[in-house]
Amino acid sequence: MKIIAFGASPSKKSINKKLATYAASLFENAQVEVLDLNDYQMPIFSVDIEAEIGQHELAKAFLAKLASADFLVVSLAENNGNYSVAFKNIFDWCTRIQKEIFQQKPMLLMATSPGGRGGATVLELAKNAFPRFGADIKATFSLPNFNDNFDVVNGMISNPDWDKELKNSIQGI
C-alpha cells in the first residue's frame, strides 16, 4: 500500500507535517511518501491568472501525487479557524483541474495545534467539506497541545493516551 502524507502547512517546522509523518509510519507494510507544500508554491489563484497561464503544472503534479496513493494521511494546520493559505491555494488550483481532488482515496484526516483544541475548528470544516471533493474519510484525529504531547526528537506522540487513540483509529480503518 502506498501512502501519501502531508501537513497542510508551509512551515519548515510544521507540527502537522510531523504528526502526519508519524501517523503514516504506523501503517503496516506501507510505502510512505511525505509531501512538502513548499514544493507546490504557485501564484495566488484567480480566474484572471488562470486565463493567462492555464492550468498550473504544480497543481497537476500535486494531483498526480494524490493519484499515486492508495491512502492519504492529511493533517491540517489551523490559521484563524481555517485552512492555511498555502494549502487553500493548492486546493483552489487543483479543483479547477479536477473537482474531486482527493479522487475517492481513503483518508485519515487530522489536525494539531499548540492549543487545547488541537485544530478542532479546521478539522470540523474539512470533515464536512472534503467528501464533496472526493475524500473518503475513514477516521479523524485531533492532537491538542502539540508541544506537551509530541516528542519532536523521536517523532512520535509522547502522551500514551493520545498515542493509543491514534493507533486505535488506524486499526479501525
N, C-alpha and C. Protein backbone atom coordinates (compact mmCIF):
# COMPACT_ATOMS: atom_id res chain seq x y z
N MET A 1 0.86 -1.18 0.00
CA MET A 1 0.00 0.00 0.00
C MET A 1 0.90 1.24 0.00
N LYS A 2 0.55 2.19 -0.86
CA LYS A 2 1.29 3.44 -0.91
C LYS A 2 0.48 4.53 -0.21
N ILE A 3 1.14 5.20 0.73
CA ILE A 3 0.51 6.30 1.47
C ILE A 3 1.18 7.60 1.06
N ILE A 4 0.35 8.57 0.72
CA ILE A 4 0.81 9.95 0.56
C ILE A 4 0.36 10.69 1.81
N ALA A 5 1.31 11.33 2.49
CA ALA A 5 1.02 12.07 3.71
C ALA A 5 1.52 13.50 3.57
N PHE A 6 0.80 14.43 4.19
CA PHE A 6 1.29 15.80 4.24
C PHE A 6 0.63 16.57 5.36
N GLY A 7 1.38 17.53 5.85
CA GLY A 7 0.84 18.52 6.76
C GLY A 7 0.46 19.72 5.92
N ALA A 8 -0.76 20.19 6.08
CA ALA A 8 -1.27 21.26 5.24
C ALA A 8 -0.82 22.62 5.75
N SER A 9 0.50 22.78 5.79
CA SER A 9 1.14 23.99 6.27
C SER A 9 2.45 24.19 5.51
N PRO A 10 2.82 25.45 5.23
CA PRO A 10 4.10 25.68 4.56
C PRO A 10 5.27 25.84 5.54
N SER A 11 5.00 25.74 6.83
CA SER A 11 6.06 25.94 7.81
C SER A 11 7.15 24.88 7.65
N LYS A 12 8.40 25.32 7.66
CA LYS A 12 9.52 24.37 7.59
C LYS A 12 9.58 23.51 8.85
N LYS A 13 8.96 23.96 9.94
CA LYS A 13 8.91 23.20 11.19
C LYS A 13 7.48 22.76 11.49
N SER A 14 6.72 22.49 10.46
CA SER A 14 5.29 22.19 10.59
C SER A 14 5.01 21.06 11.58
N ILE A 15 4.24 21.38 12.60
CA ILE A 15 3.84 20.35 13.55
C ILE A 15 2.84 19.39 12.91
N ASN A 16 2.08 19.87 11.95
CA ASN A 16 1.14 18.99 11.25
C ASN A 16 1.85 18.02 10.33
N LYS A 17 2.95 18.45 9.73
CA LYS A 17 3.75 17.52 8.92
C LYS A 17 4.36 16.45 9.82
N LYS A 18 4.80 16.85 11.01
CA LYS A 18 5.36 15.88 11.96
C LYS A 18 4.30 14.86 12.37
N LEU A 19 3.09 15.33 12.65
CA LEU A 19 2.01 14.42 13.03
C LEU A 19 1.64 13.50 11.87
N ALA A 20 1.52 14.05 10.67
CA ALA A 20 1.17 13.22 9.50
C ALA A 20 2.23 12.16 9.24
N THR A 21 3.49 12.54 9.37
CA THR A 21 4.60 11.61 9.15
C THR A 21 4.54 10.47 10.18
N TYR A 22 4.31 10.83 11.43
CA TYR A 22 4.21 9.80 12.47
C TYR A 22 3.02 8.88 12.20
N ALA A 23 1.87 9.45 11.94
CA ALA A 23 0.67 8.63 11.71
C ALA A 23 0.88 7.68 10.54
N ALA A 24 1.47 8.17 9.46
CA ALA A 24 1.70 7.32 8.28
C ALA A 24 2.65 6.17 8.61
N SER A 25 3.59 6.42 9.51
CA SER A 25 4.56 5.37 9.88
C SER A 25 3.90 4.23 10.65
N LEU A 26 2.72 4.44 11.16
CA LEU A 26 2.03 3.42 11.95
C LEU A 26 1.31 2.38 11.09
N PHE A 27 1.17 2.64 9.82
CA PHE A 27 0.52 1.68 8.94
C PHE A 27 1.51 0.57 8.60
N GLU A 28 1.07 -0.67 8.73
CA GLU A 28 1.94 -1.81 8.44
C GLU A 28 2.07 -2.03 6.94
N ASN A 29 3.26 -2.44 6.53
CA ASN A 29 3.54 -2.80 5.14
C ASN A 29 3.17 -1.69 4.16
N ALA A 30 3.49 -0.47 4.53
CA ALA A 30 3.15 0.67 3.67
C ALA A 30 4.42 1.36 3.20
N GLN A 31 4.36 1.80 1.96
CA GLN A 31 5.39 2.68 1.41
C GLN A 31 4.85 4.10 1.61
N VAL A 32 5.61 4.94 2.30
CA VAL A 32 5.13 6.28 2.66
C VAL A 32 5.94 7.34 1.92
N GLU A 33 5.22 8.28 1.33
CA GLU A 33 5.84 9.47 0.75
C GLU A 33 5.22 10.68 1.42
N VAL A 34 6.06 11.52 2.01
CA VAL A 34 5.59 12.71 2.70
C VAL A 34 5.84 13.91 1.80
N LEU A 35 4.77 14.62 1.48
CA LEU A 35 4.86 15.80 0.63
C LEU A 35 5.14 17.04 1.47
N ASP A 36 5.81 17.99 0.85
CA ASP A 36 6.07 19.30 1.46
C ASP A 36 5.34 20.34 0.61
N LEU A 37 4.43 21.07 1.22
CA LEU A 37 3.66 22.06 0.45
C LEU A 37 4.54 23.12 -0.20
N ASN A 38 5.74 23.32 0.33
CA ASN A 38 6.64 24.29 -0.27
C ASN A 38 7.09 23.88 -1.67
N ASP A 39 6.93 22.63 -2.01
CA ASP A 39 7.26 22.16 -3.35
C ASP A 39 6.16 22.48 -4.36
N TYR A 40 5.06 23.06 -3.88
CA TYR A 40 3.89 23.34 -4.74
C TYR A 40 3.47 24.80 -4.64
N GLN A 41 4.45 25.70 -4.57
CA GLN A 41 4.13 27.13 -4.48
C GLN A 41 3.73 27.66 -5.85
N MET A 42 2.57 28.25 -5.89
CA MET A 42 2.01 28.81 -7.12
C MET A 42 1.52 30.23 -6.84
N PRO A 43 1.28 31.00 -7.90
CA PRO A 43 0.68 32.32 -7.66
C PRO A 43 -0.67 32.16 -6.96
N ILE A 44 -1.08 33.19 -6.25
CA ILE A 44 -2.40 33.13 -5.63
C ILE A 44 -3.43 32.94 -6.72
N PHE A 45 -4.28 31.93 -6.52
CA PHE A 45 -5.25 31.59 -7.56
C PHE A 45 -6.21 32.74 -7.83
N SER A 46 -6.44 32.99 -9.10
CA SER A 46 -7.53 33.86 -9.55
C SER A 46 -7.88 33.42 -10.96
N VAL A 47 -9.11 33.69 -11.37
CA VAL A 47 -9.51 33.29 -12.72
C VAL A 47 -8.73 34.08 -13.76
N ASP A 48 -8.30 35.30 -13.41
CA ASP A 48 -7.51 36.09 -14.35
C ASP A 48 -6.14 35.44 -14.60
N ILE A 49 -5.49 34.99 -13.54
CA ILE A 49 -4.19 34.33 -13.71
C ILE A 49 -4.38 33.00 -14.43
N GLU A 50 -5.44 32.28 -14.08
CA GLU A 50 -5.71 31.02 -14.76
C GLU A 50 -5.94 31.24 -16.25
N ALA A 51 -6.65 32.30 -16.61
CA ALA A 51 -6.88 32.60 -18.03
C ALA A 51 -5.57 32.94 -18.74
N GLU A 52 -4.67 33.55 -18.01
CA GLU A 52 -3.38 33.96 -18.58
C GLU A 52 -2.41 32.79 -18.75
N ILE A 53 -2.31 31.94 -17.72
CA ILE A 53 -1.30 30.87 -17.77
C ILE A 53 -1.86 29.47 -17.92
N GLY A 54 -3.17 29.30 -17.74
CA GLY A 54 -3.77 27.97 -17.84
C GLY A 54 -3.61 27.19 -16.55
N GLN A 55 -3.77 25.89 -16.66
CA GLN A 55 -3.64 25.02 -15.50
C GLN A 55 -2.17 24.97 -15.08
N HIS A 56 -1.95 25.23 -13.81
CA HIS A 56 -0.57 25.29 -13.32
C HIS A 56 0.03 23.88 -13.25
N GLU A 57 1.27 23.76 -13.70
CA GLU A 57 1.96 22.46 -13.72
C GLU A 57 2.13 21.89 -12.31
N LEU A 58 2.33 22.73 -11.31
CA LEU A 58 2.48 22.22 -9.95
C LEU A 58 1.17 21.67 -9.41
N ALA A 59 0.06 22.23 -9.82
CA ALA A 59 -1.24 21.67 -9.43
C ALA A 59 -1.41 20.29 -10.07
N LYS A 60 -1.02 20.17 -11.32
CA LYS A 60 -1.08 18.85 -11.98
C LYS A 60 -0.18 17.85 -11.26
N ALA A 61 0.99 18.29 -10.84
CA ALA A 61 1.93 17.41 -10.14
C ALA A 61 1.36 16.98 -8.79
N PHE A 62 0.71 17.90 -8.07
CA PHE A 62 0.10 17.56 -6.78
C PHE A 62 -1.01 16.53 -6.98
N LEU A 63 -1.84 16.75 -7.97
CA LEU A 63 -2.91 15.79 -8.27
C LEU A 63 -2.35 14.43 -8.65
N ALA A 64 -1.25 14.41 -9.38
CA ALA A 64 -0.62 13.14 -9.76
C ALA A 64 -0.11 12.40 -8.53
N LYS A 65 0.45 13.14 -7.56
CA LYS A 65 0.91 12.51 -6.32
C LYS A 65 -0.27 11.88 -5.59
N LEU A 66 -1.38 12.60 -5.50
CA LEU A 66 -2.56 12.05 -4.83
C LEU A 66 -3.07 10.83 -5.58
N ALA A 67 -3.03 10.88 -6.90
CA ALA A 67 -3.49 9.75 -7.72
C ALA A 67 -2.63 8.51 -7.49
N SER A 68 -1.36 8.70 -7.17
CA SER A 68 -0.46 7.57 -6.99
C SER A 68 -0.67 6.84 -5.66
N ALA A 69 -1.48 7.41 -4.79
CA ALA A 69 -1.67 6.86 -3.44
C ALA A 69 -2.80 5.85 -3.39
N ASP A 70 -2.63 4.92 -2.46
CA ASP A 70 -3.74 4.03 -2.09
C ASP A 70 -4.48 4.59 -0.88
N PHE A 71 -3.77 5.46 -0.13
CA PHE A 71 -4.32 6.01 1.10
C PHE A 71 -3.69 7.37 1.34
N LEU A 72 -4.47 8.31 1.88
CA LEU A 72 -3.98 9.66 2.19
C LEU A 72 -4.00 9.90 3.70
N VAL A 73 -2.93 10.50 4.20
CA VAL A 73 -2.86 10.94 5.60
C VAL A 73 -2.64 12.44 5.54
N VAL A 74 -3.63 13.20 6.00
CA VAL A 74 -3.59 14.66 5.91
C VAL A 74 -3.78 15.24 7.31
N SER A 75 -2.88 16.13 7.69
CA SER A 75 -3.01 16.84 8.96
C SER A 75 -3.05 18.33 8.68
N LEU A 76 -4.13 18.95 9.09
CA LEU A 76 -4.41 20.35 8.75
C LEU A 76 -3.90 21.32 9.80
N ALA A 77 -3.21 22.32 9.34
CA ALA A 77 -2.87 23.45 10.20
C ALA A 77 -4.10 24.35 10.29
N GLU A 78 -4.29 24.95 11.44
CA GLU A 78 -5.41 25.86 11.62
C GLU A 78 -4.88 27.28 11.71
N ASN A 79 -5.27 28.09 10.75
CA ASN A 79 -4.92 29.51 10.74
C ASN A 79 -6.20 30.31 10.88
N ASN A 80 -6.38 30.91 12.05
CA ASN A 80 -7.60 31.70 12.31
C ASN A 80 -8.87 30.91 12.02
N GLY A 81 -8.88 29.65 12.42
CA GLY A 81 -10.06 28.81 12.28
C GLY A 81 -10.27 28.24 10.89
N ASN A 82 -9.28 28.37 10.02
CA ASN A 82 -9.45 27.91 8.64
C ASN A 82 -8.18 27.23 8.17
N TYR A 83 -8.20 26.78 6.90
CA TYR A 83 -7.02 26.17 6.29
C TYR A 83 -5.90 27.19 6.18
N SER A 84 -4.67 26.70 6.12
CA SER A 84 -3.56 27.60 5.83
C SER A 84 -3.74 28.13 4.41
N VAL A 85 -3.26 29.33 4.16
CA VAL A 85 -3.36 29.94 2.83
C VAL A 85 -2.63 29.08 1.80
N ALA A 86 -1.49 28.53 2.17
CA ALA A 86 -0.72 27.70 1.24
C ALA A 86 -1.54 26.50 0.79
N PHE A 87 -2.18 25.80 1.73
CA PHE A 87 -3.00 24.65 1.36
C PHE A 87 -4.20 25.09 0.53
N LYS A 88 -4.86 26.14 0.96
CA LYS A 88 -6.06 26.60 0.24
C LYS A 88 -5.72 26.99 -1.18
N ASN A 89 -4.55 27.57 -1.41
CA ASN A 89 -4.16 27.94 -2.76
C ASN A 89 -3.93 26.70 -3.64
N ILE A 90 -3.25 25.71 -3.09
CA ILE A 90 -3.07 24.45 -3.84
C ILE A 90 -4.42 23.82 -4.13
N PHE A 91 -5.26 23.79 -3.12
CA PHE A 91 -6.61 23.25 -3.25
C PHE A 91 -7.38 23.96 -4.37
N ASP A 92 -7.33 25.29 -4.38
CA ASP A 92 -8.05 26.06 -5.40
C ASP A 92 -7.53 25.77 -6.80
N TRP A 93 -6.21 25.76 -6.99
CA TRP A 93 -5.65 25.45 -8.31
C TRP A 93 -6.06 24.04 -8.74
N CYS A 94 -5.98 23.10 -7.81
CA CYS A 94 -6.28 21.70 -8.16
C CYS A 94 -7.75 21.49 -8.52
N THR A 95 -8.66 22.13 -7.78
CA THR A 95 -10.08 21.92 -8.06
C THR A 95 -10.50 22.47 -9.42
N ARG A 96 -9.72 23.37 -9.97
CA ARG A 96 -10.02 23.87 -11.31
C ARG A 96 -9.66 22.83 -12.38
N ILE A 97 -8.79 21.92 -12.03
CA ILE A 97 -8.41 20.84 -12.94
C ILE A 97 -9.31 19.64 -12.72
N GLN A 98 -9.53 19.32 -11.46
CA GLN A 98 -10.30 18.13 -11.08
C GLN A 98 -11.01 18.42 -9.78
N LYS A 99 -12.34 18.58 -9.84
CA LYS A 99 -13.09 18.97 -8.63
C LYS A 99 -12.85 17.99 -7.49
N GLU A 100 -12.86 16.70 -7.78
CA GLU A 100 -12.67 15.70 -6.74
C GLU A 100 -11.17 15.43 -6.59
N ILE A 101 -10.47 16.40 -6.03
CA ILE A 101 -9.01 16.31 -5.97
C ILE A 101 -8.52 15.13 -5.14
N PHE A 102 -9.33 14.67 -4.18
CA PHE A 102 -8.89 13.55 -3.34
C PHE A 102 -9.20 12.20 -3.98
N GLN A 103 -9.88 12.22 -5.11
CA GLN A 103 -10.01 11.08 -6.03
C GLN A 103 -10.55 9.81 -5.38
N GLN A 104 -11.46 9.98 -4.44
CA GLN A 104 -12.10 8.86 -3.74
C GLN A 104 -11.11 8.02 -2.95
N LYS A 105 -9.97 8.59 -2.61
CA LYS A 105 -8.96 7.87 -1.83
C LYS A 105 -9.40 7.83 -0.36
N PRO A 106 -9.21 6.68 0.28
CA PRO A 106 -9.46 6.65 1.72
C PRO A 106 -8.47 7.56 2.43
N MET A 107 -8.92 8.20 3.51
CA MET A 107 -8.12 9.23 4.15
C MET A 107 -8.23 9.16 5.67
N LEU A 108 -7.09 9.37 6.32
CA LEU A 108 -7.04 9.69 7.74
C LEU A 108 -6.87 11.20 7.80
N LEU A 109 -7.85 11.87 8.36
CA LEU A 109 -7.86 13.33 8.42
C LEU A 109 -7.57 13.76 9.85
N MET A 110 -6.55 14.62 10.00
CA MET A 110 -6.12 15.02 11.34
C MET A 110 -5.86 16.51 11.41
N ALA A 111 -5.62 16.96 12.64
CA ALA A 111 -5.16 18.33 12.88
C ALA A 111 -4.48 18.34 14.24
N THR A 112 -3.57 19.27 14.39
CA THR A 112 -2.97 19.53 15.69
C THR A 112 -2.64 21.01 15.78
N SER A 113 -2.44 21.46 17.01
CA SER A 113 -2.05 22.85 17.24
C SER A 113 -1.41 22.93 18.61
N PRO A 114 -0.74 24.04 18.90
CA PRO A 114 -0.17 24.20 20.24
C PRO A 114 -1.25 24.38 21.31
N GLY A 115 -2.46 24.72 20.90
CA GLY A 115 -3.55 24.99 21.85
C GLY A 115 -4.34 23.76 22.23
N GLY A 116 -5.23 23.97 23.17
CA GLY A 116 -6.01 22.88 23.73
C GLY A 116 -7.08 22.30 22.84
N ARG A 117 -7.44 23.00 21.78
CA ARG A 117 -8.48 22.46 20.88
C ARG A 117 -7.89 21.62 19.75
N GLY A 118 -6.58 21.66 19.57
CA GLY A 118 -5.92 20.78 18.60
C GLY A 118 -6.37 20.94 17.17
N GLY A 119 -6.72 22.16 16.77
CA GLY A 119 -7.16 22.37 15.39
C GLY A 119 -8.57 21.87 15.13
N ALA A 120 -9.38 21.77 16.18
CA ALA A 120 -10.73 21.20 16.06
C ALA A 120 -11.60 21.96 15.06
N THR A 121 -11.44 23.27 14.98
CA THR A 121 -12.29 24.05 14.08
C THR A 121 -12.01 23.71 12.62
N VAL A 122 -10.74 23.70 12.23
CA VAL A 122 -10.41 23.39 10.83
C VAL A 122 -10.69 21.92 10.53
N LEU A 123 -10.51 21.06 11.51
CA LEU A 123 -10.81 19.64 11.30
C LEU A 123 -12.29 19.44 11.00
N GLU A 124 -13.14 20.11 11.74
CA GLU A 124 -14.58 20.01 11.51
C GLU A 124 -14.95 20.58 10.14
N LEU A 125 -14.34 21.70 9.80
CA LEU A 125 -14.58 22.31 8.49
C LEU A 125 -14.23 21.32 7.37
N ALA A 126 -13.05 20.71 7.46
CA ALA A 126 -12.61 19.77 6.43
C ALA A 126 -13.43 18.49 6.42
N LYS A 127 -13.79 18.02 7.59
CA LYS A 127 -14.60 16.80 7.69
C LYS A 127 -15.92 16.96 6.94
N ASN A 128 -16.46 18.16 6.98
CA ASN A 128 -17.72 18.42 6.27
C ASN A 128 -17.51 18.72 4.79
N ALA A 129 -16.40 19.36 4.44
CA ALA A 129 -16.19 19.79 3.06
C ALA A 129 -15.48 18.76 2.18
N PHE A 130 -14.47 18.08 2.71
CA PHE A 130 -13.64 17.21 1.87
C PHE A 130 -14.40 16.12 1.12
N PRO A 131 -15.45 15.50 1.68
CA PRO A 131 -16.16 14.49 0.90
C PRO A 131 -16.75 15.04 -0.41
N ARG A 132 -17.07 16.32 -0.45
CA ARG A 132 -17.57 16.92 -1.69
C ARG A 132 -16.46 17.05 -2.74
N PHE A 133 -15.23 16.86 -2.29
CA PHE A 133 -14.07 16.94 -3.18
C PHE A 133 -13.36 15.60 -3.29
N GLY A 134 -14.14 14.52 -3.08
CA GLY A 134 -13.64 13.18 -3.34
C GLY A 134 -12.88 12.51 -2.22
N ALA A 135 -12.99 13.00 -0.99
CA ALA A 135 -12.31 12.35 0.13
C ALA A 135 -13.21 11.27 0.72
N ASP A 136 -12.64 10.12 0.96
CA ASP A 136 -13.33 9.03 1.65
C ASP A 136 -12.71 8.97 3.06
N ILE A 137 -13.23 9.79 3.95
CA ILE A 137 -12.65 9.93 5.29
C ILE A 137 -12.99 8.70 6.12
N LYS A 138 -11.95 7.97 6.48
CA LYS A 138 -12.12 6.74 7.27
C LYS A 138 -12.03 6.99 8.77
N ALA A 139 -11.26 8.00 9.16
CA ALA A 139 -11.11 8.33 10.58
C ALA A 139 -10.60 9.76 10.69
N THR A 140 -10.89 10.37 11.84
CA THR A 140 -10.35 11.70 12.14
C THR A 140 -9.63 11.62 13.49
N PHE A 141 -8.69 12.53 13.67
CA PHE A 141 -7.92 12.58 14.91
C PHE A 141 -7.43 14.00 15.13
N SER A 142 -7.56 14.46 16.36
CA SER A 142 -7.08 15.78 16.74
C SER A 142 -6.15 15.63 17.94
N LEU A 143 -4.96 16.21 17.83
CA LEU A 143 -3.99 16.18 18.93
C LEU A 143 -3.89 17.57 19.53
N PRO A 144 -4.40 17.78 20.74
CA PRO A 144 -4.28 19.09 21.38
C PRO A 144 -2.90 19.29 21.99
N ASN A 145 -2.57 20.53 22.27
CA ASN A 145 -1.34 20.86 23.00
C ASN A 145 -0.13 20.11 22.44
N PHE A 146 0.13 20.31 21.16
CA PHE A 146 1.19 19.57 20.47
C PHE A 146 2.49 19.55 21.25
N ASN A 147 2.92 20.70 21.74
CA ASN A 147 4.23 20.80 22.40
C ASN A 147 4.31 19.97 23.67
N ASP A 148 3.18 19.69 24.30
CA ASP A 148 3.15 18.87 25.51
C ASP A 148 2.94 17.39 25.21
N ASN A 149 2.43 17.07 24.03
CA ASN A 149 2.01 15.70 23.73
C ASN A 149 2.78 15.02 22.60
N PHE A 150 3.78 15.70 22.03
CA PHE A 150 4.54 15.13 20.92
C PHE A 150 6.02 15.29 21.19
N ASP A 151 6.75 14.21 21.03
CA ASP A 151 8.20 14.21 21.20
C ASP A 151 8.83 14.46 19.84
N VAL A 152 9.26 15.71 19.59
CA VAL A 152 9.80 16.06 18.26
C VAL A 152 11.14 15.38 17.99
N VAL A 153 11.90 15.09 19.04
CA VAL A 153 13.20 14.43 18.85
C VAL A 153 13.01 13.03 18.28
N ASN A 154 12.05 12.29 18.84
CA ASN A 154 11.79 10.92 18.39
C ASN A 154 10.68 10.83 17.36
N GLY A 155 10.01 11.95 17.06
CA GLY A 155 8.99 11.98 16.03
C GLY A 155 7.77 11.15 16.33
N MET A 156 7.30 11.23 17.57
CA MET A 156 6.14 10.42 17.95
C MET A 156 5.32 11.09 19.06
N ILE A 157 4.09 10.67 19.18
CA ILE A 157 3.24 11.17 20.26
C ILE A 157 3.79 10.63 21.57
N SER A 158 4.02 11.52 22.52
CA SER A 158 4.60 11.13 23.81
C SER A 158 3.54 10.81 24.86
N ASN A 159 2.36 11.35 24.70
CA ASN A 159 1.28 11.09 25.65
C ASN A 159 0.67 9.72 25.31
N PRO A 160 0.75 8.75 26.23
CA PRO A 160 0.27 7.40 25.91
C PRO A 160 -1.22 7.33 25.58
N ASP A 161 -2.02 8.17 26.19
CA ASP A 161 -3.46 8.13 25.90
C ASP A 161 -3.75 8.61 24.48
N TRP A 162 -3.12 9.71 24.08
CA TRP A 162 -3.32 10.22 22.73
C TRP A 162 -2.72 9.26 21.69
N ASP A 163 -1.58 8.67 22.02
CA ASP A 163 -0.95 7.72 21.11
C ASP A 163 -1.86 6.51 20.90
N LYS A 164 -2.43 6.03 21.97
CA LYS A 164 -3.35 4.88 21.87
C LYS A 164 -4.58 5.25 21.04
N GLU A 165 -5.09 6.46 21.23
CA GLU A 165 -6.27 6.87 20.46
C GLU A 165 -5.96 6.90 18.96
N LEU A 166 -4.80 7.45 18.59
CA LEU A 166 -4.42 7.47 17.18
C LEU A 166 -4.26 6.05 16.65
N LYS A 167 -3.56 5.21 17.38
CA LYS A 167 -3.35 3.82 16.95
C LYS A 167 -4.67 3.07 16.82
N ASN A 168 -5.60 3.29 17.73
CA ASN A 168 -6.92 2.67 17.63
C ASN A 168 -7.67 3.17 16.41
N SER A 169 -7.53 4.46 16.10
CA SER A 169 -8.18 5.00 14.90
C SER A 169 -7.63 4.32 13.65
N ILE A 170 -6.35 4.12 13.61
CA ILE A 170 -5.72 3.50 12.44
C ILE A 170 -6.12 2.02 12.34
N GLN A 171 -6.15 1.32 13.47
CA GLN A 171 -6.55 -0.09 13.46
C GLN A 171 -7.99 -0.25 12.99
N GLY A 172 -8.82 0.75 13.26
CA GLY A 172 -10.23 0.68 12.87
C GLY A 172 -10.47 0.95 11.39
N ILE A 173 -9.44 1.30 10.68
CA ILE A 173 -9.59 1.63 9.25
C ILE A 173 -9.61 0.36 8.42
